[in-house]
N, C-alpha and C. Protein backbone atom coordinates (compact mmCIF):
# COMPACT_ATOMS: atom_id res chain seq x y z
N MET A 1 0.46 -1.66 0.45
CA MET A 1 0.27 0.63 -0.05
C MET A 1 1.13 0.93 -0.49
N ILE A 2 0.48 2.02 -0.81
CA ILE A 2 1.40 3.33 -1.18
C ILE A 2 0.44 4.35 0.02
N MET A 3 2.06 4.57 0.79
CA MET A 3 1.49 5.84 2.06
C MET A 3 1.12 6.92 1.43
N LYS A 4 0.03 7.49 1.71
CA LYS A 4 0.13 8.69 1.30
C LYS A 4 0.08 9.69 2.92
N THR A 5 -0.04 11.10 1.94
CA THR A 5 0.25 11.99 3.25
C THR A 5 -0.45 12.60 3.40
N PHE A 6 -0.85 13.05 4.70
CA PHE A 6 -2.24 13.99 5.09
C PHE A 6 -2.27 15.33 6.38
N SER A 7 -2.41 15.91 6.00
CA SER A 7 -1.17 16.43 6.75
C SER A 7 -1.89 17.07 8.47
N ARG A 8 -3.18 17.07 8.24
CA ARG A 8 -4.24 17.71 9.32
C ARG A 8 -4.36 16.18 10.19
N ILE A 9 -3.37 14.61 10.21
CA ILE A 9 -3.12 13.68 11.02
C ILE A 9 -1.74 13.46 11.83
N GLU A 10 -1.99 12.81 12.65
CA GLU A 10 -0.45 12.62 13.11
C GLU A 10 -0.34 11.37 14.01
N LEU A 11 0.47 10.21 14.24
CA LEU A 11 0.43 9.27 14.92
C LEU A 11 1.50 9.45 15.51
N ASN A 12 1.39 9.47 17.42
CA ASN A 12 2.05 9.17 17.77
C ASN A 12 2.75 8.65 19.55
N SER A 13 3.45 7.58 19.31
CA SER A 13 2.62 6.38 20.17
C SER A 13 2.80 7.35 21.47
N ASN A 14 2.87 8.33 21.88
CA ASN A 14 3.09 8.78 23.44
C ASN A 14 1.71 9.73 23.53
N ILE A 15 0.80 9.34 22.43
CA ILE A 15 -0.93 10.05 22.41
C ILE A 15 -1.68 8.90 21.98
N MET A 16 -2.38 8.94 22.98
CA MET A 16 -4.02 8.25 22.49
C MET A 16 -3.55 6.31 22.01
N GLY A 17 -2.48 5.98 22.31
CA GLY A 17 -1.44 5.16 22.46
C GLY A 17 -1.34 4.66 21.17
N GLY A 18 -1.89 5.61 20.10
CA GLY A 18 -0.70 5.66 18.41
C GLY A 18 -1.72 5.76 17.66
N LYS A 19 -2.51 6.37 18.09
CA LYS A 19 -3.64 5.79 17.53
C LYS A 19 -3.95 7.80 16.48
N PRO A 20 -4.04 7.01 15.04
CA PRO A 20 -3.90 8.31 14.66
C PRO A 20 -5.10 9.34 14.97
N CYS A 21 -4.85 10.80 15.12
CA CYS A 21 -5.47 11.98 16.14
C CYS A 21 -5.34 13.39 14.95
N ILE A 22 -5.86 14.93 15.22
CA ILE A 22 -6.33 14.99 14.57
C ILE A 22 -4.74 16.19 15.43
N LYS A 23 -3.95 16.46 14.51
CA LYS A 23 -2.45 17.18 15.46
C LYS A 23 -3.13 18.40 16.10
N GLY A 24 -2.05 17.96 16.74
CA GLY A 24 -2.02 19.02 18.17
C GLY A 24 -4.20 19.01 18.79
N THR A 25 -4.23 17.47 18.58
CA THR A 25 -5.51 16.91 19.55
C THR A 25 -5.11 15.86 20.60
N ARG A 26 -6.32 15.58 21.31
CA ARG A 26 -5.88 13.90 21.77
C ARG A 26 -7.66 13.44 21.01
N VAL A 27 -7.57 14.28 19.78
CA VAL A 27 -9.28 13.39 18.98
C VAL A 27 -9.10 12.46 17.92
N THR A 28 -8.84 11.52 18.34
CA THR A 28 -8.61 10.14 17.16
C THR A 28 -9.38 10.57 16.20
N VAL A 29 -9.54 10.23 15.04
CA VAL A 29 -9.82 10.06 13.18
C VAL A 29 -10.55 8.34 13.56
N GLY A 30 -10.80 7.47 14.88
CA GLY A 30 -11.45 7.12 14.76
C GLY A 30 -13.74 7.57 16.02
N THR A 31 -12.54 8.19 17.08
CA THR A 31 -13.78 8.81 17.10
C THR A 31 -14.45 9.71 16.19
N ILE A 32 -13.75 10.74 15.29
CA ILE A 32 -14.33 10.92 14.72
C ILE A 32 -15.22 10.88 13.56
N VAL A 33 -15.26 9.27 12.75
CA VAL A 33 -15.39 8.58 11.35
C VAL A 33 -16.87 7.90 12.45
N GLY A 34 -16.81 7.23 13.76
CA GLY A 34 -17.42 7.16 14.73
C GLY A 34 -18.67 7.77 15.60
N LEU A 35 -18.59 9.01 15.08
CA LEU A 35 -18.79 10.13 15.59
C LEU A 35 -20.31 10.54 13.65
N ILE A 36 -19.47 11.02 13.02
CA ILE A 36 -20.57 10.16 11.79
C ILE A 36 -20.84 9.50 10.91
N ALA A 37 -20.94 7.95 12.07
CA ALA A 37 -20.74 6.57 12.18
C ALA A 37 -22.97 7.34 12.96
N SER A 38 -23.24 8.10 13.69
CA SER A 38 -23.77 7.56 14.09
C SER A 38 -24.92 8.79 13.76
N GLY A 39 -25.20 9.64 12.46
CA GLY A 39 -25.18 10.59 12.06
C GLY A 39 -24.92 11.64 13.17
N ALA A 40 -24.37 11.69 13.67
CA ALA A 40 -23.42 13.90 13.52
C ALA A 40 -22.97 14.47 12.15
N SER A 41 -23.65 15.87 12.11
CA SER A 41 -22.83 15.67 11.31
C SER A 41 -22.26 17.06 11.80
N PHE A 42 -21.20 17.37 10.38
CA PHE A 42 -19.97 18.39 11.18
C PHE A 42 -20.24 19.19 11.44
N ASP A 43 -21.37 20.04 11.34
CA ASP A 43 -21.84 21.61 12.72
C ASP A 43 -21.25 20.82 14.16
N ASN A 44 -22.56 19.57 14.57
CA ASN A 44 -22.97 18.80 16.06
C ASN A 44 -21.42 18.83 16.36
N ILE A 45 -20.59 17.96 15.00
CA ILE A 45 -19.30 17.91 15.56
C ILE A 45 -18.12 19.51 16.80
N LEU A 46 -18.31 20.14 15.19
CA LEU A 46 -18.00 21.00 15.22
C LEU A 46 -18.16 21.62 16.84
N GLN A 47 -18.80 21.90 16.85
CA GLN A 47 -19.86 22.24 17.99
C GLN A 47 -19.15 21.73 19.18
N ASP A 48 -19.04 21.09 19.43
CA ASP A 48 -18.86 19.38 20.62
C ASP A 48 -16.42 19.75 20.92
N TYR A 49 -16.50 20.30 19.43
CA TYR A 49 -15.13 20.36 19.49
C TYR A 49 -15.07 21.02 18.44
N PRO A 50 -15.13 22.74 19.19
CA PRO A 50 -14.20 23.79 18.26
C PRO A 50 -13.05 23.97 17.82
N TYR A 51 -12.31 22.90 18.88
CA TYR A 51 -10.76 23.48 17.78
C TYR A 51 -11.02 22.56 17.46
N LEU A 52 -11.56 21.89 16.49
CA LEU A 52 -11.66 21.39 14.65
C LEU A 52 -12.27 22.37 13.89
N LYS A 53 -12.11 21.89 13.35
CA LYS A 53 -12.33 22.11 11.58
C LYS A 53 -12.41 21.11 10.97
N ASN A 54 -13.88 22.60 9.63
CA ASN A 54 -14.33 21.49 8.67
C ASN A 54 -13.62 20.23 8.30
N GLU A 55 -12.18 20.56 7.71
CA GLU A 55 -10.47 20.04 7.43
C GLU A 55 -10.41 19.25 8.12
N ASP A 56 -10.19 18.72 9.00
CA ASP A 56 -9.99 18.47 10.08
C ASP A 56 -10.67 16.83 9.76
N ILE A 57 -11.92 17.33 9.57
CA ILE A 57 -12.78 16.12 9.72
C ILE A 57 -13.06 15.46 8.25
N THR A 58 -12.86 16.21 7.27
CA THR A 58 -12.97 15.80 6.23
C THR A 58 -11.77 14.53 6.26
N GLU A 59 -10.33 14.97 6.14
CA GLU A 59 -9.10 14.06 6.34
C GLU A 59 -9.20 13.15 7.11
N SER A 60 -9.89 13.89 8.62
CA SER A 60 -10.90 12.43 8.89
C SER A 60 -11.20 11.10 8.26
N LEU A 61 -12.01 10.99 7.37
CA LEU A 61 -12.65 10.49 6.67
C LEU A 61 -11.81 10.11 5.35
N GLU A 62 -11.28 10.69 4.40
CA GLU A 62 -10.23 10.26 3.83
C GLU A 62 -8.94 9.53 4.91
N TYR A 63 -8.60 9.41 5.83
CA TYR A 63 -7.35 8.56 5.92
C TYR A 63 -8.58 7.01 6.42
N ALA A 64 -9.74 7.41 6.59
CA ALA A 64 -10.32 6.53 7.36
C ALA A 64 -10.30 5.55 6.03
N ALA A 65 -11.56 6.18 5.04
CA ALA A 65 -10.98 5.34 3.28
C ALA A 65 -9.43 5.02 3.31
N TRP A 66 -8.79 5.49 2.80
CA TRP A 66 -7.22 5.20 2.19
C TRP A 66 -7.25 4.18 3.65
N ARG A 67 -6.85 3.57 4.98
CA ARG A 67 -7.24 3.05 5.48
C ARG A 67 -7.52 1.00 5.04
N THR A 68 -8.86 2.00 4.37
CA THR A 68 -9.43 0.32 4.76
C THR A 68 -9.80 0.02 2.92
N SER A 69 -9.09 0.65 2.27
CA SER A 69 -9.59 0.71 0.97
C SER A 69 -8.62 -0.35 0.25
N GLU A 70 -8.70 -1.45 -0.81
CA GLU A 70 -9.07 -2.56 -0.10
C GLU A 70 -8.27 -2.13 -1.95
N VAL A 71 -7.13 -3.21 -1.93
CA VAL A 71 -5.97 -3.43 -2.65
C VAL A 71 -5.45 -5.05 -3.47
N GLU A 72 -5.67 -4.91 -4.27
CA GLU A 72 -5.33 -6.07 -5.11
C GLU A 72 -4.58 -6.66 -5.00
N VAL A 73 -4.01 -8.09 -5.44
CA VAL A 73 -2.99 -8.70 -5.18
C VAL A 73 -3.72 -9.65 -5.83
N GLU A 74 -2.56 -9.50 -7.64
CA GLU A 74 -2.51 -10.65 -8.16
C GLU A 74 -1.49 -11.90 -8.00
N LEU A 75 -2.49 -13.37 -8.09
CA LEU A 75 -0.93 -14.12 -7.21
C LEU A 75 -1.08 -15.15 -8.62
N GLU A 76 0.19 -15.75 -7.97
CA GLU A 76 0.65 -17.43 -9.22
C GLU A 76 -0.43 -18.00 -9.00
N SER A 77 -0.35 -17.85 -10.63
CA SER A 77 -1.59 -19.90 -10.50
C SER A 77 -0.16 -21.00 -9.59
N ALA A 78 -0.84 -22.16 -8.64
CA ALA A 78 -0.37 -23.31 -8.75
C ALA A 78 0.19 -24.12 -10.59
């Protein structure tokens, strides 16, 4: 898998056990994706986490999609 770069997300083993977080916060990508999945809107999330920006939410969704993307690998025939 090719490593895509994300400017708003960091992985630091000293913060939230190394889970991907929005830079400078302890808000994980998983938290944001979970909120979206449970029906929260961007506005709801920004109200609950006023230090986040729309771009943080969007990039969290992009990161989650990238991490779960399927990669086809051709196997050799026997």
